Amino acid sequence: GDLGETYAVEIYSKTRNLPKLQLTPPSTKHIDAISVEGERYTVKTISGNNKVTGVFYGLADPDGNFQLSDKINARDVLFEYLIIVFLSDNYKLNKIIELNWSQFLKFKKWHSRMKAWNVSINKKLIDDSKIIYQI
């Protein structure tokens, strides 16, 4: 995860017309980076043939219930953008895509074992996302 965050900040910071990002402290809830304009970003890293992101906590479960530790209003936006960083088997950067909050809500799927949400990587997701970097 840390490597993906580093790649994301590096690419965003050196690419024209993209916001400059700074990493947040490791204990920051729900976000990994923030733009100089104050927009919040969460970064998920996918490596190899993995086709699903890590999980997202802090949203209601499919029945609308929150866990006791997640006292967040279901209408609250946890982050403005989701960045998904794709790495090769040897951890080289292959691709970075970006989804806004609405796109994240559209593509999120319930992971019953983890009792949290994740995002499955598929053609529709890629087609609907903003490609930030691709080799």
C-alpha atoms as a PDB file:
ATOM      1  CA  GLY A   1       0.000   0.000   0.000  1.00  0.00           C
ATOM      2  CA  ASP A   2       2.751   2.456   0.876  1.00  0.00           C
ATOM      3  CA  LEU A   3       4.433   1.950  -2.490  1.00  0.00           C
ATOM      4  CA  GLY A   4       1.183   2.692  -4.325  1.00  0.00           C
ATOM      5  CA  GLU A   5       0.675   5.852  -2.283  1.00  0.00           C
ATOM      6  CA  THR A   6       4.215   6.969  -3.103  1.00  0.00           C
ATOM      7  CA  TYR A   7       3.681   6.347  -6.832  1.00  0.00           C
ATOM      8  CA  ALA A   8       0.354   8.219  -6.760  1.00  0.00           C
ATOM      9  CA  VAL A   9       1.780  11.294  -5.036  1.00  0.00           C
ATOM     10  CA  GLU A  10       4.792  11.300  -7.368  1.00  0.00           C
ATOM     11  CA  ILE A  11       2.734  11.034 -10.582  1.00  0.00           C
ATOM     12  CA  TYR A  12       0.136  13.588  -9.474  1.00  0.00           C
ATOM     13  CA  SER A  13       2.796  16.039  -8.334  1.00  0.00           C
ATOM     14  CA  LYS A  14       4.836  15.921 -11.539  1.00  0.00           C
ATOM     15  CA  THR A  15       1.983  15.762 -14.076  1.00  0.00           C
ATOM     16  CA  ARG A  16       0.667  18.995 -15.508  1.00  0.00           C
ATOM     17  CA  ASN A  17      -3.034  19.709 -14.848  1.00  0.00           C
ATOM     18  CA  LEU A  18      -3.216  17.284 -11.926  1.00  0.00           C
ATOM     19  CA  PRO A  19      -3.415  18.472  -8.323  1.00  0.00           C
ATOM     20  CA  LYS A  20      -0.296  18.331  -6.198  1.00  0.00           C
ATOM     21  CA  LEU A  21      -0.802  15.732  -3.465  1.00  0.00           C
ATOM     22  CA  GLN A  22       0.718  15.283  -0.026  1.00  0.00           C
ATOM     23  CA  LEU A  23       0.547  12.100   2.021  1.00  0.00           C
ATOM     24  CA  THR A  24      -1.471  12.285   5.225  1.00  0.00           C
ATOM     25  CA  PRO A  25      -0.152  10.891   8.521  1.00  0.00           C
ATOM     26  CA  PRO A  26      -0.542   7.078   8.687  1.00  0.00           C
ATOM     27  CA  SER A  27      -3.273   7.261  11.342  1.00  0.00           C
ATOM     28  CA  THR A  28      -5.549   9.507   9.242  1.00  0.00           C
ATOM     29  CA  LYS A  29      -8.936   7.827   8.879  1.00  0.00           C
ATOM     30  CA  HIS A  30     -10.302   7.096   5.374  1.00  0.00           C
ATOM     31  CA  ILE A  31      -7.757   9.135   3.374  1.00  0.00           C
ATOM     32  CA  ASP A  32      -4.148   8.699   2.309  1.00  0.00           C
ATOM     33  CA  ALA A  33      -3.418  11.988   0.564  1.00  0.00           C
ATOM     34  CA  ILE A  34      -4.731  15.520   0.328  1.00  0.00           C
ATOM     35  CA  SER A  35      -4.410  18.047  -2.471  1.00  0.00           C
ATOM     36  CA  VAL A  36      -3.171  21.574  -1.898  1.00  0.00           C
ATOM     37  CA  GLU A  37      -6.820  22.619  -2.511  1.00  0.00           C
ATOM     38  CA  GLY A  38      -7.985  20.382   0.362  1.00  0.00           C
ATOM     39  CA  GLU A  39      -9.522  17.566  -1.676  1.00  0.00           C
ATOM     40  CA  ARG A  40      -9.232  14.178   0.040  1.00  0.00           C
ATOM     41  CA  TYR A  41      -7.891  11.095  -1.730  1.00  0.00           C
ATOM     42  CA  THR A  42      -7.837   7.472  -0.724  1.00  0.00           C
ATOM     43  CA  VAL A  43      -5.332   5.224  -2.486  1.00  0.00           C
ATOM     44  CA  LYS A  44      -5.706   1.496  -3.072  1.00  0.00           C
ATOM     45  CA  THR A  45      -2.949  -0.595  -4.625  1.00  0.00           C
ATOM     46  CA  ILE A  46      -3.508  -3.675  -6.789  1.00  0.00           C
ATOM     47  CA  SER A  47      -0.583  -5.925  -7.706  1.00  0.00           C
ATOM     48  CA  GLY A  48      -0.196  -8.806 -10.098  1.00  0.00           C
ATOM     49  CA  ASN A  49      -3.433 -10.470 -11.143  1.00  0.00           C
ATOM     50  CA  ASN A  50      -5.441  -9.197  -8.169  1.00  0.00           C
ATOM     51  CA  LYS A  51      -8.845  -7.944  -9.326  1.00  0.00           C
ATOM     52  CA  VAL A  52     -10.216  -6.389  -6.151  1.00  0.00           C
ATOM     53  CA  THR A  53      -9.137  -3.488  -3.943  1.00  0.00           C
ATOM     54  CA  GLY A  54      -8.601  -3.565  -0.236  1.00  0.00           C
ATOM     55  CA  VAL A  55     -11.646  -2.757   1.861  1.00  0.00           C
ATOM     56  CA  PHE A  56     -13.266   0.552   2.756  1.00  0.00           C
ATOM     57  CA  TYR A  57     -14.634   0.999   6.252  1.00  0.00           C
ATOM     58  CA  GLY A  58     -16.856   3.806   7.481  1.00  0.00           C
ATOM     59  CA  LEU A  59     -19.906   3.299   5.278  1.00  0.00           C
ATOM     60  CA  ALA A  60     -23.131   1.626   6.315  1.00  0.00           C
ATOM     61  CA  ASP A  61     -23.474  -2.076   5.580  1.00  0.00           C
ATOM     62  CA  PRO A  62     -26.048  -3.178   2.950  1.00  0.00           C
ATOM     63  CA  ASP A  63     -28.773  -3.070   5.631  1.00  0.00           C
ATOM     64  CA  GLY A  64     -27.910   0.527   6.537  1.00  0.00           C
ATOM     65  CA  ASN A  65     -26.235  -0.310   9.853  1.00  0.00           C
ATOM     66  CA  PHE A  66     -22.953   1.142  11.039  1.00  0.00           C
ATOM     67  CA  GLN A  67     -20.535  -0.666  13.289  1.00  0.00           C
ATOM     68  CA  LEU A  68     -20.213   1.045  16.670  1.00  0.00           C
ATOM     69  CA  SER A  69     -16.749   2.386  15.865  1.00  0.00           C
ATOM     70  CA  ASP A  70     -17.919   4.041  12.651  1.00  0.00           C
ATOM     71  CA  LYS A  71     -20.243   6.858  13.718  1.00  0.00           C
ATOM     72  CA  ILE A  72     -20.431   8.467  10.286  1.00  0.00           C
ATOM     73  CA  ASN A  73     -23.603   9.745   8.691  1.00  0.00           C
ATOM     74  CA  ALA A  74     -24.334   7.649   5.581  1.00  0.00           C
ATOM     75  CA  ARG A  75     -24.620  10.867   3.538  1.00  0.00           C
ATOM     76  CA  ASP A  76     -21.128  11.991   4.520  1.00  0.00           C
ATOM     77  CA  VAL A  77     -18.487  11.816   1.851  1.00  0.00           C
ATOM     78  CA  LEU A  78     -15.390  10.047   3.221  1.00  0.00           C
ATOM     79  CA  PHE A  79     -13.144  11.212   0.364  1.00  0.00           C
ATOM     80  CA  GLU A  80     -13.508  13.105  -2.887  1.00  0.00           C
ATOM     81  CA  TYR A  81     -11.414  10.728  -5.013  1.00  0.00           C
ATOM     82  CA  LEU A  82     -10.320   7.110  -5.080  1.00  0.00           C
ATOM     83  CA  ILE A  83      -6.980   6.441  -6.738  1.00  0.00           C
ATOM     84  CA  ILE A  84      -6.265   2.849  -7.761  1.00  0.00           C
ATOM     85  CA  VAL A  85      -2.608   2.090  -8.451  1.00  0.00           C
ATOM     86  CA  PHE A  86      -1.826  -1.020 -10.520  1.00  0.00           C
ATOM     87  CA  LEU A  87       1.564  -2.654 -10.007  1.00  0.00           C
ATOM     88  CA  SER A  88       3.172  -5.526 -11.897  1.00  0.00           C
ATOM     89  CA  ASP A  89       4.243  -8.731 -10.163  1.00  0.00           C
ATOM     90  CA  ASN A  90       7.638  -7.116  -9.538  1.00  0.00           C
ATOM     91  CA  TYR A  91       6.023  -3.916  -8.138  1.00  0.00           C
ATOM     92  CA  LYS A  92       6.644  -1.670 -11.159  1.00  0.00           C
ATOM     93  CA  LEU A  93       3.999   0.966 -11.856  1.00  0.00           C
ATOM     94  CA  ASN A  94       1.626  -0.065 -14.693  1.00  0.00           C
ATOM     95  CA  LYS A  95      -1.400   2.198 -14.369  1.00  0.00           C
ATOM     96  CA  ILE A  96      -3.156   4.722 -12.155  1.00  0.00           C
ATOM     97  CA  ILE A  97      -6.881   5.418 -12.402  1.00  0.00           C
ATOM     98  CA  GLU A  98      -9.091   7.842 -10.528  1.00  0.00           C
ATOM     99  CA  LEU A  99     -12.750   7.642  -9.548  1.00  0.00           C
ATOM    100  CA  ASN A 100     -14.778  10.380  -7.915  1.00  0.00           C
ATOM    101  CA  TRP A 101     -17.044   9.712  -4.931  1.00  0.00           C
ATOM    102  CA  SER A 102     -20.127   9.041  -7.090  1.00  0.00           C
ATOM    103  CA  GLN A 103     -18.223   6.553  -9.227  1.00  0.00           C
ATOM    104  CA  PHE A 104     -16.922   4.820  -6.096  1.00  0.00           C
ATOM    105  CA  LEU A 105     -20.482   4.473  -4.780  1.00  0.00           C
ATOM    106  CA  LYS A 106     -21.569   3.022  -8.134  1.00  0.00           C
ATOM    107  CA  PHE A 107     -18.838   0.354  -8.177  1.00  0.00           C
ATOM    108  CA  LYS A 108     -18.493  -0.578  -4.500  1.00  0.00           C
ATOM    109  CA  LYS A 109     -19.361  -4.167  -3.533  1.00  0.00           C
ATOM    110  CA  TRP A 110     -20.037  -5.630  -0.089  1.00  0.00           C
ATOM    111  CA  HIS A 111     -17.369  -8.000   1.239  1.00  0.00           C
ATOM    112  CA  SER A 112     -19.358 -10.055   3.745  1.00  0.00           C
ATOM    113  CA  ARG A 113     -16.385 -11.728   5.413  1.00  0.00           C
ATOM    114  CA  MET A 114     -14.616  -8.412   6.048  1.00  0.00           C
ATOM    115  CA  LYS A 115     -17.898  -6.591   6.744  1.00  0.00           C
ATOM    116  CA  ALA A 116     -16.751  -3.693   4.585  1.00  0.00           C
ATOM    117  CA  TRP A 117     -16.826  -2.528   0.970  1.00  0.00           C
ATOM    118  CA  ASN A 118     -14.330  -3.027  -1.844  1.00  0.00           C
ATOM    119  CA  VAL A 119     -14.147  -2.344  -5.587  1.00  0.00           C
ATOM    120  CA  SER A 120     -13.815  -5.065  -8.203  1.00  0.00           C
ATOM    121  CA  ILE A 121     -11.589  -4.258 -11.142  1.00  0.00           C
ATOM    122  CA  ASN A 122     -13.339  -4.851 -14.455  1.00  0.00           C
ATOM    123  CA  LYS A 123     -13.614  -3.316 -17.919  1.00  0.00           C
ATOM    124  CA  LYS A 124     -16.628  -1.147 -17.009  1.00  0.00           C
ATOM    125  CA  LEU A 125     -14.766   0.339 -14.046  1.00  0.00           C
ATOM    126  CA  ILE A 126     -11.694   1.068 -16.178  1.00  0.00           C
ATOM    127  CA  ASP A 127     -13.839   2.559 -18.963  1.00  0.00           C
ATOM    128  CA  ASP A 128     -15.692   4.841 -16.517  1.00  0.00           C
ATOM    129  CA  SER A 129     -12.583   5.969 -14.644  1.00  0.00           C
ATOM    130  CA  LYS A 130     -10.117   8.718 -15.425  1.00  0.00           C
ATOM    131  CA  ILE A 131      -6.801   7.230 -16.590  1.00  0.00           C
ATOM    132  CA  ILE A 132      -4.056   9.179 -14.844  1.00  0.00           C
ATOM    133  CA  TYR A 133      -1.055   7.104 -15.904  1.00  0.00           C
ATOM    134  CA  GLN A 134      -0.548   4.077 -18.131  1.00  0.00           C
ATOM    135  CA  ILE A 135       2.553   2.442 -19.570  1.00  0.00           C
END
